[in-house]
C-alpha atoms as a PDB file:
ATOM      1  CA  MET A   1      -7.265 -22.681   1.269  1.00  0.00           C
ATOM      2  CA  ARG A   2      -8.387 -23.689  -2.208  1.00  0.00           C
ATOM      3  CA  ASN A   3     -10.777 -20.674  -2.357  1.00  0.00           C
ATOM      4  CA  LYS A   4      -8.030 -18.318  -1.216  1.00  0.00           C
ATOM      5  CA  SER A   5      -5.697 -19.647  -3.925  1.00  0.00           C
ATOM      6  CA  LEU A   6      -8.402 -19.161  -6.526  1.00  0.00           C
ATOM      7  CA  LEU A   7      -8.993 -15.557  -5.431  1.00  0.00           C
ATOM      8  CA  LEU A   8      -5.254 -14.869  -5.513  1.00  0.00           C
ATOM      9  CA  LEU A   9      -5.026 -16.274  -9.047  1.00  0.00           C
ATOM     10  CA  ILE A  10      -7.923 -14.087 -10.197  1.00  0.00           C
ATOM     11  CA  GLY A  11      -6.264 -11.029  -8.642  1.00  0.00           C
ATOM     12  CA  ILE A  12      -2.997 -11.740 -10.439  1.00  0.00           C
ATOM     13  CA  LEU A  13      -4.817 -12.134 -13.753  1.00  0.00           C
ATOM     14  CA  VAL A  14      -6.678  -8.836 -13.314  1.00  0.00           C
ATOM     15  CA  ILE A  15      -3.499  -6.948 -12.464  1.00  0.00           C
ATOM     16  CA  SER A  16      -1.626  -8.474 -15.388  1.00  0.00           C
ATOM     17  CA  LEU A  17      -4.392  -7.456 -17.786  1.00  0.00           C
ATOM     18  CA  LEU A  18      -4.558  -3.815 -16.675  1.00  0.00           C
ATOM     19  CA  PRO A  19      -1.482  -2.566 -18.624  1.00  0.00           C
ATOM     20  CA  SER A  20      -2.722  -4.181 -21.842  1.00  0.00           C
ATOM     21  CA  CYS A  21      -6.085  -2.466 -21.411  1.00  0.00           C
ATOM     22  CA  ARG A  22      -4.389   0.877 -20.985  1.00  0.00           C
ATOM     23  CA  LYS A  23      -2.379   0.311 -24.182  1.00  0.00           C
ATOM     24  CA  ASP A  24      -5.630  -0.028 -26.121  1.00  0.00           C
ATOM     25  CA  VAL A  25      -6.716   3.483 -25.123  1.00  0.00           C
ATOM     26  CA  LYS A  26      -5.336   5.752 -27.843  1.00  0.00           C
ATOM     27  CA  THR A  27      -5.016   9.516 -28.101  1.00  0.00           C
ATOM     28  CA  CYS A  28      -5.016  11.078 -31.562  1.00  0.00           C
ATOM     29  CA  LYS A  29      -4.317  14.448 -33.163  1.00  0.00           C
ATOM     30  CA  LEU A  30      -6.825  16.003 -35.532  1.00  0.00           C
ATOM     31  CA  GLY A  31      -5.159  16.283 -38.930  1.00  0.00           C
ATOM     32  CA  LYS A  32      -7.919  17.219 -41.372  1.00  0.00           C
ATOM     33  CA  TYR A  33     -11.457  18.530 -41.071  1.00  0.00           C
ATOM     34  CA  TYR A  34     -13.940  18.739 -43.960  1.00  0.00           C
ATOM     35  CA  LEU A  35     -17.208  20.674 -44.073  1.00  0.00           C
ATOM     36  CA  SER A  36     -19.599  19.977 -46.949  1.00  0.00           C
ATOM     37  CA  ASP A  37     -23.219  20.558 -47.917  1.00  0.00           C
ATOM     38  CA  GLY A  38     -23.204  17.228 -49.725  1.00  0.00           C
ATOM     39  CA  SER A  39     -23.103  18.681 -53.233  1.00  0.00           C
ATOM     40  CA  SER A  40     -19.317  18.838 -53.524  1.00  0.00           C
ATOM     41  CA  THR A  41     -16.098  17.597 -51.952  1.00  0.00           C
ATOM     42  CA  PRO A  42     -14.277  20.579 -50.422  1.00  0.00           C
ATOM     43  CA  SER A  43     -10.593  20.967 -49.699  1.00  0.00           C
ATOM     44  CA  PRO A  44      -9.758  20.068 -46.098  1.00  0.00           C
ATOM     45  CA  ASN A  45      -8.884  22.341 -43.206  1.00  0.00           C
ATOM     46  CA  ILE A  46      -5.402  21.117 -42.183  1.00  0.00           C
ATOM     47  CA  PHE A  47      -3.886  21.196 -38.674  1.00  0.00           C
ATOM     48  CA  LEU A  48      -0.134  21.127 -37.965  1.00  0.00           C
ATOM     49  CA  TYR A  49       1.402  20.810 -34.504  1.00  0.00           C
ATOM     50  CA  ASN A  50       4.503  21.684 -32.514  1.00  0.00           C
ATOM     51  CA  GLU A  51       6.542  18.962 -30.837  1.00  0.00           C
ATOM     52  CA  ASN A  52       4.676  19.676 -27.585  1.00  0.00           C
ATOM     53  CA  GLY A  53       1.360  18.859 -29.249  1.00  0.00           C
ATOM     54  CA  LYS A  54       0.015  22.403 -29.578  1.00  0.00           C
ATOM     55  CA  VAL A  55      -1.431  23.642 -32.860  1.00  0.00           C
ATOM     56  CA  LYS A  56       1.099  25.758 -34.768  1.00  0.00           C
ATOM     57  CA  ARG A  57      -0.721  26.248 -38.084  1.00  0.00           C
ATOM     58  CA  ILE A  58      -4.205  25.886 -39.520  1.00  0.00           C
ATOM     59  CA  GLY A  59      -4.767  25.916 -43.270  1.00  0.00           C
ATOM     60  CA  TYR A  60      -8.378  26.609 -44.224  1.00  0.00           C
ATOM     61  CA  THR A  61     -10.530  25.382 -47.081  1.00  0.00           C
ATOM     62  CA  ASP A  62     -10.576  28.810 -48.759  1.00  0.00           C
ATOM     63  CA  GLY A  63      -6.773  29.024 -48.857  1.00  0.00           C
ATOM     64  CA  SER A  64      -6.368  31.328 -45.849  1.00  0.00           C
ATOM     65  CA  LYS A  65      -4.197  30.258 -42.931  1.00  0.00           C
ATOM     66  CA  ASP A  66      -3.328  30.960 -39.308  1.00  0.00           C
ATOM     67  CA  THR A  67       0.133  30.765 -37.776  1.00  0.00           C
ATOM     68  CA  VAL A  68       0.102  30.234 -33.995  1.00  0.00           C
ATOM     69  CA  ILE A  69       3.085  31.271 -31.856  1.00  0.00           C
ATOM     70  CA  TYR A  70       3.417  30.517 -28.142  1.00  0.00           C
ATOM     71  CA  ASN A  71       5.871  32.480 -26.025  1.00  0.00           C
ATOM     72  CA  ALA A  72       5.834  31.895 -22.250  1.00  0.00           C
ATOM     73  CA  ASP A  73       2.438  33.216 -21.113  1.00  0.00           C
ATOM     74  CA  THR A  74       1.370  34.780 -24.426  1.00  0.00           C
ATOM     75  CA  ILE A  75      -0.065  33.566 -27.722  1.00  0.00           C
ATOM     76  CA  THR A  76       0.115  35.283 -31.107  1.00  0.00           C
ATOM     77  CA  ILE A  77      -2.087  34.277 -34.047  1.00  0.00           C
ATOM     78  CA  ILE A  78      -1.201  35.742 -37.437  1.00  0.00           C
ATOM     79  CA  SER A  79      -3.851  35.266 -40.132  1.00  0.00           C
ATOM     80  CA  TYR A  80      -3.329  35.550 -43.876  1.00  0.00           C
ATOM     81  CA  ASN A  81      -5.972  35.526 -46.586  1.00  0.00           C
ATOM     82  CA  ARG A  82      -5.893  33.240 -49.633  1.00  0.00           C
ATOM     83  CA  TYR A  83      -3.601  35.698 -51.409  1.00  0.00           C
ATOM     84  CA  ASP A  84      -1.043  35.590 -48.561  1.00  0.00           C
ATOM     85  CA  SER A  85      -1.886  39.145 -47.501  1.00  0.00           C
ATOM     86  CA  LEU A  86      -2.002  39.900 -43.788  1.00  0.00           C
ATOM     87  CA  ALA A  87      -5.617  39.834 -42.593  1.00  0.00           C
ATOM     88  CA  THR A  88      -5.527  39.919 -38.775  1.00  0.00           C
ATOM     89  CA  THR A  89      -3.171  39.577 -35.827  1.00  0.00           C
ATOM     90  CA  PHE A  90      -4.180  38.510 -32.352  1.00  0.00           C
ATOM     91  CA  THR A  91      -2.028  38.716 -29.224  1.00  0.00           C
ATOM     92  CA  GLY A  92      -3.366  37.316 -25.975  1.00  0.00           C
ATOM     93  CA  LEU A  93      -2.401  36.413 -22.426  1.00  0.00           C
ATOM     94  CA  LEU A  94      -2.594  32.785 -21.277  1.00  0.00           C
ATOM     95  CA  ASN A  95      -3.534  31.424 -17.868  1.00  0.00           C
ATOM     96  CA  ALA A  96      -1.813  28.489 -16.153  1.00  0.00           C
ATOM     97  CA  SER A  97      -3.950  26.040 -18.146  1.00  0.00           C
ATOM     98  CA  GLY A  98      -2.920  27.545 -21.477  1.00  0.00           C
ATOM     99  CA  SER A  99      -6.238  29.272 -22.208  1.00  0.00           C
ATOM    100  CA  VAL A 100      -6.505  32.880 -23.388  1.00  0.00           C
ATOM    101  CA  THR A 101      -7.748  35.327 -20.756  1.00  0.00           C
ATOM    102  CA  SER A 102      -7.487  38.590 -22.708  1.00  0.00           C
ATOM    103  CA  GLY A 103      -6.133  39.946 -25.957  1.00  0.00           C
ATOM    104  CA  ALA A 104      -6.375  42.346 -28.865  1.00  0.00           C
ATOM    105  CA  LYS A 105      -7.211  41.492 -32.479  1.00  0.00           C
ATOM    106  CA  ASN A 106      -6.107  43.907 -35.218  1.00  0.00           C
ATOM    107  CA  SER A 107      -7.662  43.798 -38.693  1.00  0.00           C
ATOM    108  CA  TYR A 108      -5.990  45.037 -41.885  1.00  0.00           C
ATOM    109  CA  ASP A 109      -7.069  45.888 -45.437  1.00  0.00           C
ATOM    110  CA  ILE A 110      -5.401  44.498 -48.567  1.00  0.00           C
ATOM    111  CA  TYR A 111      -2.827  47.311 -48.429  1.00  0.00           C
ATOM    112  CA  GLY A 112      -1.746  46.455 -44.884  1.00  0.00           C
ATOM    113  CA  ASN A 113      -3.517  49.398 -43.246  1.00  0.00           C
ATOM    114  CA  LEU A 114      -5.052  48.904 -39.813  1.00  0.00           C
ATOM    115  CA  THR A 115      -8.839  49.036 -40.117  1.00  0.00           C
ATOM    116  CA  GLY A 116      -9.962  48.198 -36.591  1.00  0.00           C
ATOM    117  CA  THR A 117      -9.164  46.580 -33.253  1.00  0.00           C
ATOM    118  CA  ASP A 118     -11.237  44.213 -31.122  1.00  0.00           C
ATOM    119  CA  TYR A 119     -10.395  43.882 -27.436  1.00  0.00           C
ATOM    120  CA  LEU A 120     -11.360  40.483 -26.045  1.00  0.00           C
ATOM    121  CA  ALA A 121     -11.635  39.028 -22.547  1.00  0.00           C
ATOM    122  CA  TYR A 122     -12.482  35.470 -21.486  1.00  0.00           C
ATOM    123  CA  GLU A 123     -13.642  33.859 -18.241  1.00  0.00           C
ATOM    124  CA  TYR A 124     -13.590  30.132 -17.357  1.00  0.00           C
ATOM    125  CA  ASN A 125     -15.103  27.887 -14.708  1.00  0.00           C
ATOM    126  CA  ALA A 126     -13.187  25.530 -12.409  1.00  0.00           C
ATOM    127  CA  GLU A 127     -13.240  22.844 -15.138  1.00  0.00           C
ATOM    128  CA  GLY A 128     -11.492  25.172 -17.595  1.00  0.00           C
ATOM    129  CA  ARG A 129     -14.600  25.710 -19.751  1.00  0.00           C
ATOM    130  CA  MET A 130     -15.348  29.185 -21.064  1.00  0.00           C
ATOM    131  CA  THR A 131     -18.239  30.925 -19.330  1.00  0.00           C
ATOM    132  CA  LYS A 132     -17.928  34.389 -20.842  1.00  0.00           C
ATOM    133  CA  GLN A 133     -16.431  36.088 -23.880  1.00  0.00           C
ATOM    134  CA  THR A 134     -16.481  39.888 -24.093  1.00  0.00           C
ATOM    135  CA  THR A 135     -15.586  41.774 -27.279  1.00  0.00           C
ATOM    136  CA  ASN A 136     -15.170  45.544 -27.227  1.00  0.00           C
ATOM    137  CA  ASN A 137     -14.653  47.764 -30.283  1.00  0.00           C
ATOM    138  CA  THR A 138     -15.888  51.064 -31.688  1.00  0.00           C
ATOM    139  CA  SER A 139     -19.373  49.545 -32.111  1.00  0.00           C
ATOM    140  CA  GLY A 140     -19.647  48.763 -28.394  1.00  0.00           C
ATOM    141  CA  ALA A 141     -19.590  45.547 -26.408  1.00  0.00           C
ATOM    142  CA  THR A 142     -20.676  42.066 -27.469  1.00  0.00           C
ATOM    143  CA  ILE A 143     -20.933  39.417 -24.750  1.00  0.00           C
ATOM    144  CA  LEU A 144     -21.347  35.661 -25.054  1.00  0.00           C
ATOM    145  CA  SER A 145     -22.389  34.109 -21.741  1.00  0.00           C
ATOM    146  CA  LEU A 146     -22.502  30.321 -21.213  1.00  0.00           C
ATOM    147  CA  THR A 147     -23.784  28.037 -18.444  1.00  0.00           C
ATOM    148  CA  TYR A 148     -22.935  24.363 -17.880  1.00  0.00           C
ATOM    149  CA  ASP A 149     -24.478  21.220 -16.438  1.00  0.00           C
ATOM    150  CA  GLY A 150     -22.435  18.081 -15.835  1.00  0.00           C
ATOM    151  CA  GLY A 151     -19.520  19.338 -17.914  1.00  0.00           C
ATOM    152  CA  ASN A 152     -21.687  20.251 -20.900  1.00  0.00           C
ATOM    153  CA  THR A 153     -22.888  23.621 -22.183  1.00  0.00           C
ATOM    154  CA  LYS A 154     -26.521  24.048 -21.108  1.00  0.00           C
ATOM    155  CA  THR A 155     -27.515  27.572 -22.173  1.00  0.00           C
ATOM    156  CA  GLY A 156     -25.948  30.567 -23.856  1.00  0.00           C
ATOM    157  CA  GLY A 157     -26.801  34.202 -24.425  1.00  0.00           C
ATOM    158  CA  LEU A 158     -25.354  36.580 -27.010  1.00  0.00           C
ATOM    159  CA  TYR A 159     -25.720  40.220 -25.982  1.00  0.00           C
ATOM    160  CA  THR A 160     -25.045  43.198 -28.242  1.00  0.00           C
ATOM    161  CA  GLY A 161     -25.037  46.649 -26.660  1.00  0.00           C
ATOM    162  CA  GLY A 162     -26.612  45.174 -23.539  1.00  0.00           C
ATOM    163  CA  LEU A 163     -29.561  43.685 -25.467  1.00  0.00           C
ATOM    164  CA  LEU A 164     -30.132  39.951 -25.829  1.00  0.00           C
ATOM    165  CA  ASN A 165     -29.537  39.081 -29.483  1.00  0.00           C
ATOM    166  CA  LYS A 166     -29.644  35.277 -29.363  1.00  0.00           C
ATOM    167  CA  ARG A 167     -30.478  32.626 -26.802  1.00  0.00           C
ATOM    168  CA  TYR A 168     -28.984  29.114 -27.079  1.00  0.00           C
ATOM    169  CA  TYR A 169     -30.265  25.884 -25.537  1.00  0.00           C
ATOM    170  CA  LEU A 170     -27.929  22.918 -25.954  1.00  0.00           C
ATOM    171  CA  TYR A 171     -28.537  19.202 -25.382  1.00  0.00           C
ATOM    172  CA  HIS A 172     -25.846  16.513 -25.352  1.00  0.00           C
ATOM    173  CA  ASN A 173     -25.741  12.743 -25.717  1.00  0.00           C
ATOM    174  CA  THR A 174     -23.559  10.277 -23.793  1.00  0.00           C
ATOM    175  CA  ALA A 175     -20.712   9.999 -26.344  1.00  0.00           C
ATOM    176  CA  GLU A 176     -17.383  11.380 -25.076  1.00  0.00           C
ATOM    177  CA  ASN A 177     -16.118  14.465 -26.916  1.00  0.00           C
ATOM    178  CA  LYS A 178     -12.539  13.229 -27.428  1.00  0.00           C
ATOM    179  CA  THR A 179     -12.014  15.507 -30.438  1.00  0.00           C
ATOM    180  CA  ASN A 180     -12.644  18.547 -28.188  1.00  0.00           C
ATOM    181  CA  VAL A 181     -15.185  20.048 -30.612  1.00  0.00           C
ATOM    182  CA  ASN A 182     -16.494  23.345 -29.234  1.00  0.00           C
ATOM    183  CA  ASP A 183     -20.295  23.588 -29.271  1.00  0.00           C
ATOM    184  CA  LEU A 184     -20.269  27.032 -30.909  1.00  0.00           C
ATOM    185  CA  ASN A 185     -16.748  27.500 -32.286  1.00  0.00           C
ATOM    186  CA  GLY A 186     -16.016  24.188 -34.016  1.00  0.00           C
ATOM    187  CA  VAL A 187     -12.443  22.874 -33.768  1.00  0.00           C
ATOM    188  CA  PHE A 188     -10.481  25.998 -34.656  1.00  0.00           C
ATOM    189  CA  THR A 189      -9.912  27.538 -31.202  1.00  0.00           C
ATOM    190  CA  PRO A 190      -8.278  24.971 -28.876  1.00  0.00           C
ATOM    191  CA  TRP A 191      -6.740  27.859 -26.896  1.00  0.00           C
ATOM    192  CA  LEU A 192     -10.183  28.925 -25.568  1.00  0.00           C
ATOM    193  CA  GLY A 193     -10.499  26.317 -22.839  1.00  0.00           C
ATOM    194  CA  ASN A 194     -12.007  22.852 -22.665  1.00  0.00           C
ATOM    195  CA  SER A 195     -15.037  21.911 -24.711  1.00  0.00           C
ATOM    196  CA  SER A 196     -18.135  20.128 -23.464  1.00  0.00           C
ATOM    197  CA  ALA A 197     -17.492  16.636 -22.118  1.00  0.00           C
ATOM    198  CA  ASN A 198     -20.003  15.021 -24.498  1.00  0.00           C
ATOM    199  CA  LEU A 199     -21.048  15.497 -28.109  1.00  0.00           C
ATOM    200  CA  LEU A 200     -24.017  17.646 -29.072  1.00  0.00           C
ATOM    201  CA  ASP A 201     -27.372  15.996 -29.635  1.00  0.00           C
ATOM    202  CA  SER A 202     -29.370  19.103 -30.560  1.00  0.00           C
ATOM    203  CA  MET A 203     -29.422  22.884 -30.320  1.00  0.00           C
ATOM    204  CA  HIS A 204     -32.263  25.389 -30.099  1.00  0.00           C
ATOM    205  CA  ILE A 205     -31.526  29.033 -31.047  1.00  0.00           C
ATOM    206  CA  ILE A 206     -34.003  31.848 -30.409  1.00  0.00           C
ATOM    207  CA  THR A 207     -33.713  35.447 -31.617  1.00  0.00           C
ATOM    208  CA  PRO A 208     -35.908  37.440 -29.178  1.00  0.00           C
ATOM    209  CA  SER A 209     -36.270  40.548 -31.354  1.00  0.00           C
ATOM    210  CA  THR A 210     -37.902  38.614 -34.197  1.00  0.00           C
ATOM    211  CA  SER A 211     -39.053  35.467 -32.374  1.00  0.00           C
ATOM    212  CA  ASP A 212     -37.169  33.465 -35.016  1.00  0.00           C
ATOM    213  CA  THR A 213     -36.431  29.902 -33.925  1.00  0.00           C
ATOM    214  CA  VAL A 214     -33.776  27.534 -35.242  1.00  0.00           C
ATOM    215  CA  ARG A 215     -33.614  23.864 -34.297  1.00  0.00           C
ATOM    216  CA  ILE A 216     -30.533  21.840 -35.204  1.00  0.00           C
ATOM    217  CA  GLN A 217     -30.124  18.073 -34.843  1.00  0.00           C
ATOM    218  CA  TYR A 218     -26.781  16.211 -34.758  1.00  0.00           C
ATOM    219  CA  ALA A 219     -25.946  12.603 -35.650  1.00  0.00           C
ATOM    220  CA  HIS A 220     -22.404  11.392 -34.923  1.00  0.00           C
ATOM    221  CA  THR A 221     -20.216   8.507 -36.040  1.00  0.00           C
ATOM    222  CA  LEU A 222     -17.164   7.469 -34.001  1.00  0.00           C
ATOM    223  CA  ASP A 223     -14.026   5.712 -35.256  1.00  0.00           C
ATOM    224  CA  ASP A 224     -12.316   2.674 -33.700  1.00  0.00           C
ATOM    225  CA  ASN A 225     -10.592   4.927 -31.141  1.00  0.00           C
ATOM    226  CA  SER A 226     -13.909   6.554 -30.106  1.00  0.00           C
ATOM    227  CA  TYR A 227     -12.955   9.812 -31.828  1.00  0.00           C
ATOM    228  CA  LEU A 228     -15.495  11.717 -33.880  1.00  0.00           C
ATOM    229  CA  SER A 229     -15.208  10.711 -37.542  1.00  0.00           C
ATOM    230  CA  LYS A 230     -18.390  12.230 -38.975  1.00  0.00           C
ATOM    231  CA  THR A 231     -21.249  14.504 -37.930  1.00  0.00           C
ATOM    232  CA  ILE A 232     -24.445  15.110 -39.861  1.00  0.00           C
ATOM    233  CA  GLN A 233     -25.838  18.496 -38.840  1.00  0.00           C
ATOM    234  CA  THR A 234     -29.467  19.044 -39.862  1.00  0.00           C
ATOM    235  CA  TRP A 235     -31.418  22.290 -39.541  1.00  0.00           C
ATOM    236  CA  LEU A 236     -35.054  21.341 -38.830  1.00  0.00           C
ATOM    237  CA  THR A 237     -36.389  24.904 -38.755  1.00  0.00           C
ATOM    238  CA  PRO A 238     -36.959  27.313 -40.424  1.00  0.00           C
ATOM    239  CA  GLY A 239     -36.106  25.094 -43.438  1.00  0.00           C
ATOM    240  CA  VAL A 240     -34.403  21.736 -43.746  1.00  0.00           C
ATOM    241  CA  GLN A 241     -30.727  21.888 -44.709  1.00  0.00           C
ATOM    242  CA  THR A 242     -27.874  19.539 -43.952  1.00  0.00           C
ATOM    243  CA  LYS A 243     -24.131  19.887 -43.465  1.00  0.00           C
ATOM    244  CA  PHE A 244     -21.595  17.095 -43.222  1.00  0.00           C
ATOM    245  CA  HIS A 245     -18.546  17.341 -40.936  1.00  0.00           C
ATOM    246  CA  THR A 246     -15.728  14.806 -41.456  1.00  0.00           C
ATOM    247  CA  TYR A 247     -12.649  14.410 -39.244  1.00  0.00           C
ATOM    248  CA  GLN A 248      -9.357  12.589 -39.923  1.00  0.00           C
ATOM    249  CA  TYR A 249      -6.627  11.886 -37.361  1.00  0.00           C
ATOM    250  CA  PHE A 250      -2.981  10.885 -37.173  1.00  0.00           C
ATOM    251  CA  ASP A 251      -0.327  10.058 -34.572  1.00  0.00           C
ATOM    252  CA  CYS A 252      -2.662   7.782 -32.582  1.00  0.00           C
ATOM    253  CA  ASN A 253      -0.748   6.119 -29.737  1.00  0.00           C
END
């Protein structure tokens, strides 16, 4: 009887501790993102959100900005350059998960004249991660194809006019990608599906036509909430260069 009472007491303690553990797990919104080569301190890229938590505006380091508008099953992204002149507009269709499946991007000159249109289409796997991006314009078709392993991007191929232009090999560590940083697109396109489950460890890029090889190494620092606070991105070949990515958050709860 004494053993049973002890087990019951332990069970009660475990159950009573579970809510407090859950309270310690915080979710945060990305507020600012800095990219530097280490020689200067740049202005931040700034993210603003709607009440439902979706990005509504991105202000970029160079002074340009995107305004994001959601309307039922569509998304519209209006981009302005640093002089507040219209640069591009994108209108796309969203699937049930809120990811873009197709759309058209119009580009304009400084006088507001239409200079070209890109037609885009996206495919996703069952986990909501993008497997294919197709861009069609007057120059032909460009296709980015991605494969995954264990929730992480494994390989990628960039095809231009049916010819392989670049081949990507990606390797990840065990750190959770809570910031939802895309392996190839950074943090600026949250409407293009889920990112890899873990943070990048290294990337190998091969250009078949020239046999050029690029190797990139990543070193990450996490904050107290296990969100990405800093990444050091180092190109090992063809020449050593380093970039520093810094992330700041708000509304952690």
